[in-house]
Protein backbone atom coordinates (compact mmCIF):
# COMPACT_ATOMS: atom_id res chain seq x y z
CA UNK A 1 0.00 0.00 0.00
CA UNK A 2 1.41 3.39 -0.99
CA UNK A 3 2.27 5.86 1.76
CA UNK A 4 0.18 9.04 1.66
CA UNK A 5 2.42 11.98 2.48
CA UNK A 6 1.39 15.30 3.99
CA UNK A 7 2.99 18.64 3.21
CA UNK A 8 2.65 22.34 3.84
CA UNK A 9 0.23 23.87 1.35
CA UNK A 10 2.26 27.07 1.15
CA UNK A 11 1.13 30.64 0.68
CA UNK A 12 -1.66 30.51 -1.88
CA UNK A 13 -4.38 32.11 0.26
CA UNK A 14 -4.67 35.72 1.36
CA UNK A 15 -3.33 37.58 3.23
CA UNK A 16 -0.28 35.32 3.01
CA UNK A 17 -0.07 35.37 -0.79
CA UNK A 18 0.39 39.13 -0.65
CA UNK A 19 2.76 38.95 2.32
CA UNK A 20 5.18 36.68 0.48
CA UNK A 21 4.80 38.68 -2.74
CA UNK A 22 6.09 41.97 -1.34
CA UNK A 23 8.55 41.03 1.39
CA UNK A 24 11.35 43.48 2.26
CA UNK A 25 14.88 43.01 0.94
CA UNK A 26 18.24 44.72 1.34
CA UNK A 27 16.52 48.08 1.53
CA UNK A 28 15.12 47.11 4.94
CA UNK A 29 17.49 44.32 5.98
CA UNK A 30 21.08 45.58 5.39
CA UNK A 31 23.22 42.76 4.03
CA UNK A 32 26.03 43.69 6.38
CA UNK A 33 23.86 42.51 9.27
CA UNK A 34 21.65 39.87 7.63
CA UNK A 35 22.29 36.97 5.26
CA UNK A 36 19.82 38.26 2.69
CA UNK A 37 21.56 36.23 -0.02
CA UNK A 38 19.83 33.08 1.29
CA UNK A 39 16.38 34.62 0.90
CA UNK A 40 13.56 35.20 3.39
CA UNK A 41 12.16 32.31 5.42
CA UNK A 42 8.62 33.06 6.50
CA UNK A 43 7.01 30.60 8.87
CA UNK A 44 6.22 27.05 9.95
CA UNK A 45 2.83 25.61 10.91
CA UNK A 46 -0.81 26.32 10.22
CA UNK A 47 -2.00 29.28 8.17
CA UNK A 48 -5.60 28.08 7.88
CA UNK A 49 -6.86 29.56 11.16
CA UNK A 50 -6.58 26.32 13.15
CA UNK A 51 -3.54 27.41 15.20
CA UNK A 52 -4.04 27.76 18.95
CA UNK A 53 -0.50 28.86 19.81
CA UNK A 54 1.81 31.29 18.04
CA UNK A 55 5.55 30.77 18.55
CA UNK A 56 7.71 33.82 17.91
CA UNK A 57 11.33 32.90 17.26
CA UNK A 58 14.35 35.04 16.42
CA UNK A 59 15.93 34.33 13.03
CA UNK A 60 16.39 31.37 10.69
CA UNK A 61 19.55 29.27 10.93
CA UNK A 62 21.35 26.89 8.57
CA UNK A 63 18.79 24.08 8.42
CA UNK A 64 16.04 26.62 7.83
CA UNK A 65 17.84 28.10 4.82
CA UNK A 66 17.60 24.72 3.09
CA UNK A 67 14.17 23.54 4.28
CA UNK A 68 12.55 27.01 3.76
CA UNK A 69 10.67 26.69 7.07
CA UNK A 70 11.69 28.11 10.45
CA UNK A 71 12.62 26.23 13.63
CA UNK A 72 13.34 22.83 12.10
CA UNK A 73 16.71 22.11 13.72
CA UNK A 74 17.36 21.05 17.29
CA UNK A 75 15.95 24.32 18.65
CA UNK A 76 12.73 23.66 16.77
CA UNK A 77 12.52 20.13 18.10
CA UNK A 78 12.91 21.41 21.65
CA UNK A 79 10.03 23.81 21.04
CA UNK A 80 8.04 20.98 19.46
CA UNK A 81 8.51 19.00 22.66
CA UNK A 82 7.31 21.93 24.77
CA UNK A 83 4.16 22.27 22.68
CA UNK A 84 3.53 18.54 22.97
CA UNK A 85 3.59 18.87 26.77
CA UNK A 86 0.59 21.20 26.61
CA UNK A 87 -1.21 18.97 24.13
CA UNK A 88 -0.46 20.88 20.95
CA UNK A 89 0.89 18.63 18.20
CA UNK A 90 0.11 20.56 15.00
CA UNK A 91 -2.26 23.41 16.01
CA UNK A 92 0.42 26.08 16.06
CA UNK A 93 2.01 28.65 13.80
CA UNK A 94 5.56 29.99 14.04
CA UNK A 95 7.15 33.17 12.73
CA UNK A 96 10.46 34.87 13.47
CA UNK A 97 11.45 38.35 14.55
CA UNK A 98 13.65 38.53 11.45
CA UNK A 99 12.99 37.15 7.96
CA UNK A 100 16.68 36.63 7.34
CA UNK A 101 19.49 35.00 9.27
CA UNK A 102 21.41 37.45 11.45
CA UNK A 103 25.06 37.92 10.50
CA UNK A 104 27.17 38.79 13.53
CA UNK A 105 26.42 38.52 17.21
CA UNK A 106 25.31 42.11 17.74
CA UNK A 107 23.21 42.56 14.60
CA UNK A 108 20.04 41.17 16.12
CA UNK A 109 20.09 43.56 19.06
CA UNK A 110 21.03 46.49 16.81
CA UNK A 111 17.81 46.11 14.81
CA UNK A 112 15.51 45.06 17.67
CA UNK A 113 13.35 48.18 17.35
CA UNK A 114 13.82 48.94 13.67
CA UNK A 115 10.51 50.41 12.52
CA UNK A 116 10.71 49.22 8.91
CA UNK A 117 11.44 45.63 9.94
CA UNK A 118 8.65 45.83 12.51
CA UNK A 119 6.11 47.17 10.00
CA UNK A 120 6.29 44.02 7.87
CA UNK A 121 6.43 41.74 10.91
CA UNK A 122 3.31 43.40 12.31
CA UNK A 123 1.43 42.50 9.13
CA UNK A 124 2.18 38.85 9.78
CA UNK A 125 1.21 39.11 13.44
CA UNK A 126 -2.01 40.89 12.54
CA UNK A 127 -2.86 38.09 10.11
CA UNK A 128 -2.13 35.39 12.67
CA UNK A 129 -3.50 36.96 15.85
CA UNK A 130 -6.37 39.30 14.99
CA UNK A 131 -9.68 37.44 14.83
CA UNK A 132 -8.09 33.98 14.97
CA UNK A 133 -8.18 31.06 17.40
CA UNK A 134 -4.75 31.73 18.88
CA UNK A 135 -4.95 32.15 22.66
CA UNK A 136 -1.27 32.09 23.65
CA UNK A 137 2.04 33.40 22.31
CA UNK A 138 5.35 31.76 23.15
CA UNK A 139 8.20 34.27 22.70
CA UNK A 140 11.62 32.63 22.43
CA UNK A 141 14.20 34.93 24.00
CA UNK A 142 14.47 38.65 24.62
CA UNK A 143 14.35 39.71 20.95
CA UNK A 144 11.06 37.86 20.48
CA UNK A 145 9.56 39.30 23.67
CA UNK A 146 10.54 42.81 22.57
CA UNK A 147 9.05 42.27 19.11
CA UNK A 148 5.79 40.94 20.52
CA UNK A 149 5.41 43.88 22.91
CA UNK A 150 6.01 46.29 20.02
CA UNK A 151 3.15 44.64 18.14
CA UNK A 152 0.94 44.57 21.26
CA UNK A 153 1.06 48.36 21.43
CA UNK A 154 -0.48 48.49 17.94
CA UNK A 155 -3.25 45.99 18.83
CA UNK A 156 -3.83 46.47 22.58
CA UNK A 157 -7.36 45.02 22.62
CA UNK A 158 -6.24 41.82 20.92
CA UNK A 159 -3.08 41.54 23.01
CA UNK A 160 -5.15 41.83 26.19
CA UNK A 161 -6.87 38.54 25.27
CA UNK A 162 -3.62 36.63 24.69
CA UNK A 163 -1.38 34.87 27.18
CA UNK A 164 2.32 35.65 26.70
CA UNK A 165 4.88 33.05 27.70
CA UNK A 166 8.18 34.89 27.32
CA UNK A 167 10.66 32.05 27.81
CA UNK A 168 14.36 31.65 27.28
CA UNK A 169 15.40 30.74 23.76
CA UNK A 170 15.84 26.98 23.24
CA UNK A 171 19.55 27.49 22.47
CA UNK A 172 20.10 29.77 25.49
CA UNK A 173 22.05 27.06 27.32
CA UNK A 174 24.67 26.59 24.62
CA UNK A 175 24.99 30.29 23.87
CA UNK A 176 25.28 31.42 27.46
CA UNK A 177 27.75 28.63 28.28
CA UNK A 178 30.04 29.82 25.46
CA UNK A 179 29.71 33.48 26.43
CA UNK A 180 30.08 33.07 30.19
CA UNK A 181 32.34 30.06 30.53
CA UNK A 182 29.79 28.39 32.80
CA UNK A 183 29.28 24.63 32.49
CA UNK A 184 26.71 23.59 29.91
CA UNK A 185 24.98 21.44 32.52
CA UNK A 186 24.42 24.54 34.66
CA UNK A 187 23.05 26.70 31.86
CA UNK A 188 20.85 23.85 30.61
CA UNK A 189 19.36 23.46 34.09
CA UNK A 190 18.67 27.22 34.18
CA UNK A 191 16.92 27.07 30.80
CA UNK A 192 14.72 24.16 31.81
CA UNK A 193 13.88 25.75 35.15
CA UNK A 194 12.67 28.80 33.24
CA UNK A 195 10.51 26.64 30.95
CA UNK A 196 9.04 24.86 33.97
CA UNK A 197 8.03 28.22 35.44
CA UNK A 198 5.88 28.93 32.37
CA UNK A 199 4.56 25.45 31.68
CA UNK A 200 1.46 25.49 33.91
CA UNK A 201 0.25 28.93 32.84
CA UNK A 202 0.78 28.11 29.17
CA UNK A 203 -1.25 24.93 29.51
CA UNK A 204 -4.02 26.83 31.29
CA UNK A 205 -4.40 29.21 28.35
CA UNK A 206 -4.39 26.67 25.52
CA UNK A 207 -7.11 24.20 24.56
CA UNK A 208 -5.20 20.97 23.92
CA UNK A 209 -5.74 18.96 20.76
CA UNK A 210 -4.36 15.81 22.35
CA UNK A 211 -2.97 14.40 25.61
CA UNK A 212 -0.99 16.69 27.89
CA UNK A 213 2.02 15.84 30.04
CA UNK A 214 2.87 18.59 32.47
CA UNK A 215 5.62 16.63 34.17
CA UNK A 216 8.31 19.25 34.83
CA UNK A 217 11.55 19.12 32.91
CA UNK A 218 14.51 17.64 34.78
CA UNK A 219 17.87 19.41 35.03
CA UNK A 220 18.90 18.10 31.60
CA UNK A 221 17.16 17.15 28.37
CA UNK A 222 15.40 13.80 28.54
CA UNK A 223 14.75 11.35 25.70
CA UNK A 224 11.16 12.55 25.22
CA UNK A 225 11.81 16.28 25.60
CA UNK A 226 12.48 16.77 21.89
CA UNK A 227 9.82 15.96 19.32
CA UNK A 228 10.28 15.53 15.55
CA UNK A 229 8.93 18.11 13.13
CA UNK A 230 5.64 16.91 11.56
CA UNK A 231 5.78 16.14 7.85
CA UNK A 232 2.85 18.48 7.25
CA UNK A 233 5.02 21.45 8.24
CA UNK A 234 7.49 21.14 5.35
CA UNK A 235 7.24 21.66 1.58
CA UNK A 236 6.09 18.74 -0.54
CA UNK A 237 8.76 16.14 -1.16
CA UNK A 238 10.97 17.16 1.77
CA UNK A 239 13.10 14.15 2.78
CA UNK A 240 12.27 12.66 6.17
CA UNK A 241 15.73 13.38 7.57
CA UNK A 242 15.07 17.12 7.33
CA UNK A 243 12.75 16.57 10.30
CA UNK A 244 15.16 14.56 12.46
CA UNK A 245 17.30 15.87 15.28
CA UNK A 246 20.58 14.78 13.67
CA UNK A 247 22.36 17.82 12.25
CA UNK A 248 22.58 17.73 8.46
CA UNK A 249 23.45 21.30 7.40
CA UNK A 250 26.51 23.32 8.45
CA UNK A 251 28.24 26.45 7.26
CA UNK A 252 31.70 25.56 5.96
CA UNK A 253 34.65 27.48 4.60
CA UNK A 254 38.22 28.52 5.31
CA UNK A 255 37.33 32.19 5.78
CA UNK A 256 34.35 34.31 6.80
CA UNK A 257 33.20 35.11 3.27
CA UNK A 258 33.38 31.51 2.06
CA UNK A 259 31.61 30.28 5.18
CA UNK A 260 28.84 32.82 4.69
CA UNK A 261 28.38 31.70 1.09
CA UNK A 262 28.51 27.95 1.72
CA UNK A 263 26.14 25.51 3.41
CA UNK A 264 27.17 21.86 3.30
CA UNK A 265 24.29 19.37 3.39
CA UNK A 266 25.07 15.79 4.37
CA UNK A 267 22.55 12.98 4.74
CA UNK A 268 22.84 11.74 8.36
CA UNK A 269 24.20 8.23 8.78
CA UNK A 270 20.91 6.97 10.20
CA UNK A 271 19.08 8.07 7.03
CA UNK A 272 21.44 6.38 4.57
CA UNK A 273 19.14 3.60 3.45
CA UNK A 274 20.98 2.70 0.25
CA UNK A 275 22.94 -0.60 0.13
CA UNK A 276 26.62 -0.43 0.96
CA UNK A 277 28.92 -1.30 -1.92
């Protein structure tokens, strides 16, 4: 019996057809601060009004540049696991603060309140939050929380009906460990403690579509804390290993310019189903 595959239907319906038709480029996102050469990456999840949670991320990374959907790498799978805890398996939609990958550590903060970037982002948030079934927003990190609060000032009545879970970014532990020199185990525990603090309130403001499991996170990631990306979230024909936790895309090069221009894609060993010669 043939397998029936699911896929993201894309941006054929309004207002999303217009949003992806007139997205900003280098005139709004300076190429010195953003990897505009890899194109904009718009969203992941439901655009048909069935979403109950909106996840606001920061910027697309390497895996996202290839898959053309946001939050598909390990960070996305950590978020997927969080949503599963509150009973949300596919009834979500995700967008980022920035359409393009940030180039340089400080670039994201430098443009946090850029009005032109915000104007386009607000159009997406209006489409996803005004008059829809979304009841909660999960903001990943400080940039996302700032962006959401900027939008909330433009739609105060709508924002007043939404629960905001402003949590630490799913890669906070690795980033803060590198920056501070603290042990990764310590920063991971801090991240998961923060997520635990928001878990109950998030669950209380979302109608689950399936079973919930509000067991608090431990001090480190457990085997069920990450969840794979659903096939329905990715473009038609996307290989299954795009949705796995094994890393398959990395920036490579001997110098900064080459590394910026090059993404190496390698099929993970576990997905190599062809016969060995």
